[in-house]
């Protein structure tokens, strides 16, 4: 999935042809254009995933392992609902 945006509370918006994901808690500073590959779920209750990260600035030459929390997963329409429910207006 490609990093396509930043959200409140330092969360990142990822997108691919399957949908969108909001994630947080990376140990790396991610930028637009970086790629995050969800490998497998570590903890189902907290939605903690092992991921591989490929940095655009390094021309995607290496993969770095990390653990991230998926806070939302779905389509763009569902993302709007999630944003309305979680954003302080």
N, C-alpha and C. Protein backbone atom coordinates (compact mmCIF):
# COMPACT_ATOMS: atom_id res chain seq x y z
N UNK A 1 0.84 -1.16 0.00
CA UNK A 1 0.00 0.00 0.00
C UNK A 1 0.89 1.23 0.00
N UNK A 2 0.46 2.25 -0.71
CA UNK A 2 1.21 3.50 -0.78
C UNK A 2 0.77 4.47 0.30
N UNK A 3 1.73 5.17 0.91
CA UNK A 3 1.40 6.25 1.83
C UNK A 3 0.91 7.41 0.98
N UNK A 4 -0.35 7.82 1.19
CA UNK A 4 -0.95 8.87 0.35
C UNK A 4 -1.37 10.10 1.14
N UNK A 5 -1.26 10.05 2.47
CA UNK A 5 -1.67 11.21 3.24
C UNK A 5 -1.42 11.05 4.72
N UNK A 6 -1.52 12.18 5.40
CA UNK A 6 -1.40 12.23 6.85
C UNK A 6 -2.75 12.59 7.44
N UNK A 7 -3.06 12.03 8.59
CA UNK A 7 -4.31 12.33 9.27
C UNK A 7 -4.01 12.85 10.67
N UNK A 8 -5.06 13.14 11.42
CA UNK A 8 -4.89 13.62 12.78
C UNK A 8 -4.15 12.59 13.64
N UNK A 9 -3.53 13.07 14.70
CA UNK A 9 -2.80 12.22 15.65
C UNK A 9 -1.65 11.45 15.00
N UNK A 10 -1.05 12.00 13.95
CA UNK A 10 0.10 11.41 13.27
C UNK A 10 -0.22 10.07 12.62
N UNK A 11 -1.48 9.80 12.34
CA UNK A 11 -1.85 8.60 11.60
C UNK A 11 -1.57 8.81 10.12
N UNK A 12 -1.36 7.71 9.43
CA UNK A 12 -1.09 7.75 8.00
C UNK A 12 -2.22 7.10 7.23
N UNK A 13 -2.48 7.61 6.04
CA UNK A 13 -3.47 7.03 5.15
C UNK A 13 -2.73 6.28 4.06
N UNK A 14 -3.05 5.00 3.93
CA UNK A 14 -2.45 4.13 2.90
C UNK A 14 -3.54 3.74 1.92
N UNK A 15 -3.15 3.54 0.67
CA UNK A 15 -4.14 3.18 -0.34
C UNK A 15 -3.52 2.26 -1.38
N UNK A 16 -4.33 1.33 -1.86
CA UNK A 16 -4.00 0.51 -3.03
C UNK A 16 -5.31 0.21 -3.74
N UNK A 17 -5.28 -0.67 -4.72
CA UNK A 17 -6.48 -0.96 -5.50
C UNK A 17 -7.55 -1.69 -4.69
N UNK A 18 -7.19 -2.24 -3.54
CA UNK A 18 -8.13 -2.96 -2.69
C UNK A 18 -8.90 -2.03 -1.75
N UNK A 19 -8.35 -0.86 -1.45
CA UNK A 19 -9.02 0.05 -0.52
C UNK A 19 -8.04 0.93 0.21
N UNK A 20 -8.44 1.38 1.39
CA UNK A 20 -7.61 2.29 2.19
C UNK A 20 -7.45 1.74 3.60
N UNK A 21 -6.36 2.16 4.23
CA UNK A 21 -6.04 1.78 5.60
C UNK A 21 -5.55 3.01 6.33
N UNK A 22 -5.98 3.18 7.58
CA UNK A 22 -5.42 4.19 8.46
C UNK A 22 -4.56 3.44 9.47
N UNK A 23 -3.30 3.85 9.59
CA UNK A 23 -2.39 3.16 10.49
C UNK A 23 -1.68 4.16 11.38
N UNK A 24 -1.19 3.69 12.49
CA UNK A 24 -0.42 4.51 13.40
C UNK A 24 0.60 3.68 14.14
N UNK A 25 1.53 4.35 14.79
CA UNK A 25 2.47 3.67 15.66
C UNK A 25 3.72 3.15 15.00
N UNK A 26 4.05 3.60 13.81
CA UNK A 26 5.28 3.14 13.16
C UNK A 26 6.49 3.68 13.91
N UNK A 27 7.55 2.90 13.94
CA UNK A 27 8.80 3.34 14.54
C UNK A 27 9.62 4.16 13.55
N UNK A 28 9.18 4.24 12.31
CA UNK A 28 9.85 5.01 11.27
C UNK A 28 9.04 6.25 10.93
N UNK A 29 9.70 7.25 10.41
CA UNK A 29 9.01 8.43 9.88
C UNK A 29 8.73 8.14 8.41
N UNK A 30 7.46 8.03 8.07
CA UNK A 30 7.08 7.69 6.70
C UNK A 30 6.68 8.94 5.94
N UNK A 31 6.93 8.91 4.65
CA UNK A 31 6.62 10.03 3.76
C UNK A 31 5.70 9.58 2.65
N UNK A 32 5.09 10.57 1.99
CA UNK A 32 4.26 10.26 0.83
C UNK A 32 5.09 9.49 -0.19
N UNK A 33 4.50 8.44 -0.74
CA UNK A 33 5.19 7.63 -1.74
C UNK A 33 5.86 6.39 -1.17
N UNK A 34 6.08 6.35 0.15
CA UNK A 34 6.61 5.14 0.75
C UNK A 34 5.58 4.03 0.62
N UNK A 35 6.04 2.79 0.70
CA UNK A 35 5.13 1.65 0.58
C UNK A 35 5.16 0.84 1.87
N UNK A 36 3.98 0.38 2.28
CA UNK A 36 3.85 -0.45 3.47
C UNK A 36 3.15 -1.75 3.05
N UNK A 37 3.78 -2.86 3.36
CA UNK A 37 3.24 -4.18 3.02
C UNK A 37 2.81 -4.87 4.31
N UNK A 38 1.51 -5.09 4.48
CA UNK A 38 1.01 -5.81 5.64
C UNK A 38 1.40 -7.27 5.49
N UNK A 39 2.17 -7.81 6.44
CA UNK A 39 2.66 -9.19 6.35
C UNK A 39 1.69 -10.14 7.05
N UNK A 40 1.55 -9.98 8.35
CA UNK A 40 0.59 -10.80 9.09
C UNK A 40 0.20 -10.12 10.39
N UNK A 41 -0.95 -10.51 10.90
CA UNK A 41 -1.46 -9.94 12.14
C UNK A 41 -0.74 -10.58 13.32
N UNK A 42 -0.24 -9.73 14.21
CA UNK A 42 0.43 -10.20 15.42
C UNK A 42 -0.58 -10.35 16.55
N UNK A 43 -1.47 -9.36 16.68
CA UNK A 43 -2.46 -9.35 17.76
C UNK A 43 -3.80 -8.91 17.19
N UNK A 44 -4.75 -9.82 17.17
CA UNK A 44 -6.05 -9.54 16.56
C UNK A 44 -6.84 -8.51 17.36
N UNK A 45 -6.74 -8.54 18.68
CA UNK A 45 -7.52 -7.62 19.51
C UNK A 45 -7.12 -6.16 19.28
N UNK A 46 -5.82 -5.89 19.15
CA UNK A 46 -5.35 -4.52 18.95
C UNK A 46 -5.10 -4.20 17.47
N UNK A 47 -5.32 -5.18 16.60
CA UNK A 47 -5.06 -5.05 15.16
C UNK A 47 -3.62 -4.62 14.89
N UNK A 48 -2.68 -5.26 15.58
CA UNK A 48 -1.26 -5.01 15.41
C UNK A 48 -0.72 -5.94 14.32
N UNK A 49 -0.07 -5.36 13.33
CA UNK A 49 0.45 -6.11 12.19
C UNK A 49 1.96 -6.00 12.10
N UNK A 50 2.58 -7.08 11.64
CA UNK A 50 3.97 -6.99 11.20
C UNK A 50 3.93 -6.48 9.77
N UNK A 51 4.78 -5.51 9.46
CA UNK A 51 4.80 -4.92 8.12
C UNK A 51 6.23 -4.85 7.60
N UNK A 52 6.33 -4.72 6.31
CA UNK A 52 7.58 -4.35 5.66
C UNK A 52 7.38 -2.97 5.06
N UNK A 53 8.38 -2.12 5.21
CA UNK A 53 8.31 -0.75 4.70
C UNK A 53 9.40 -0.55 3.68
N UNK A 54 9.02 0.07 2.56
CA UNK A 54 9.94 0.40 1.48
C UNK A 54 9.90 1.92 1.29
N UNK A 55 11.06 2.57 1.46
CA UNK A 55 11.12 4.03 1.40
C UNK A 55 11.37 4.53 -0.02
N UNK A 56 10.53 5.46 -0.45
CA UNK A 56 10.69 6.06 -1.78
C UNK A 56 12.02 6.78 -1.89
N UNK A 57 12.47 7.42 -0.82
CA UNK A 57 13.72 8.18 -0.85
C UNK A 57 14.93 7.28 -1.09
N UNK A 58 14.80 6.00 -0.79
CA UNK A 58 15.87 5.04 -1.05
C UNK A 58 15.58 4.23 -2.30
N UNK A 59 14.69 4.76 -3.13
CA UNK A 59 14.29 4.12 -4.39
C UNK A 59 13.78 2.70 -4.17
N UNK A 60 13.14 2.48 -3.01
CA UNK A 60 12.53 1.20 -2.66
C UNK A 60 13.52 0.04 -2.75
N UNK A 61 14.80 0.32 -2.43
CA UNK A 61 15.85 -0.68 -2.56
C UNK A 61 15.86 -1.71 -1.43
N UNK A 62 15.34 -1.37 -0.26
CA UNK A 62 15.38 -2.28 0.89
C UNK A 62 14.01 -2.32 1.56
N UNK A 63 13.78 -3.41 2.29
CA UNK A 63 12.57 -3.52 3.11
C UNK A 63 12.98 -3.48 4.58
N UNK A 64 12.24 -2.71 5.36
CA UNK A 64 12.49 -2.59 6.78
C UNK A 64 11.29 -3.16 7.52
N UNK A 65 11.53 -3.95 8.56
CA UNK A 65 10.44 -4.53 9.33
C UNK A 65 9.99 -3.57 10.41
N UNK A 66 8.70 -3.60 10.70
CA UNK A 66 8.12 -2.78 11.76
C UNK A 66 6.82 -3.42 12.20
N UNK A 67 6.23 -2.87 13.24
CA UNK A 67 4.92 -3.27 13.71
C UNK A 67 4.06 -2.01 13.74
N UNK A 68 2.86 -2.11 13.21
CA UNK A 68 1.95 -0.95 13.19
C UNK A 68 0.56 -1.40 13.62
N UNK A 69 -0.21 -0.42 14.07
CA UNK A 69 -1.59 -0.68 14.43
C UNK A 69 -2.49 -0.17 13.32
N UNK A 70 -3.34 -1.05 12.82
CA UNK A 70 -4.33 -0.65 11.82
C UNK A 70 -5.56 -0.15 12.57
N UNK A 71 -5.90 1.11 12.33
CA UNK A 71 -7.02 1.73 13.03
C UNK A 71 -8.31 1.70 12.19
N UNK A 72 -8.14 1.57 10.88
CA UNK A 72 -9.29 1.51 9.97
C UNK A 72 -8.86 0.77 8.72
N UNK A 73 -9.79 0.01 8.16
CA UNK A 73 -9.56 -0.69 6.90
C UNK A 73 -10.88 -0.74 6.15
N UNK A 74 -10.90 -0.30 4.89
CA UNK A 74 -12.14 -0.32 4.13
C UNK A 74 -12.04 0.46 2.84
N UNK A 75 -13.18 0.95 2.37
CA UNK A 75 -13.24 1.72 1.13
C UNK A 75 -13.27 3.22 1.46
N UNK A 76 -13.18 4.05 0.43
CA UNK A 76 -13.17 5.51 0.61
C UNK A 76 -14.46 6.02 1.26
N UNK A 77 -15.60 5.46 0.89
CA UNK A 77 -16.87 5.89 1.48
C UNK A 77 -16.90 5.61 2.98
N UNK A 78 -16.43 4.42 3.37
CA UNK A 78 -16.37 4.08 4.78
C UNK A 78 -15.35 4.95 5.51
N UNK A 79 -14.31 5.37 4.81
CA UNK A 79 -13.30 6.25 5.41
C UNK A 79 -13.92 7.57 5.82
N UNK A 80 -14.81 8.12 5.01
CA UNK A 80 -15.47 9.37 5.36
C UNK A 80 -16.25 9.23 6.67
N UNK A 81 -16.94 8.12 6.82
CA UNK A 81 -17.68 7.87 8.06
C UNK A 81 -16.74 7.75 9.25
N UNK A 82 -15.63 7.03 9.05
CA UNK A 82 -14.63 6.89 10.11
C UNK A 82 -14.07 8.24 10.52
N UNK A 83 -13.76 9.08 9.53
CA UNK A 83 -13.20 10.41 9.81
C UNK A 83 -14.22 11.27 10.58
N UNK A 84 -15.48 11.22 10.18
CA UNK A 84 -16.52 11.98 10.88
C UNK A 84 -16.68 11.50 12.31
N UNK A 85 -16.53 10.21 12.54
CA UNK A 85 -16.72 9.65 13.88
C UNK A 85 -15.52 9.88 14.78
N UNK A 86 -14.33 10.05 14.22
CA UNK A 86 -13.12 10.14 15.04
C UNK A 86 -12.50 11.53 15.08
N UNK A 87 -13.01 12.47 14.30
CA UNK A 87 -12.44 13.81 14.24
C UNK A 87 -13.23 14.74 15.14
N UNK A 88 -12.51 15.54 15.93
CA UNK A 88 -13.15 16.53 16.77
C UNK A 88 -13.51 17.72 15.88
N UNK A 89 -14.78 18.10 15.89
CA UNK A 89 -15.25 19.17 15.01
C UNK A 89 -15.33 20.49 15.75
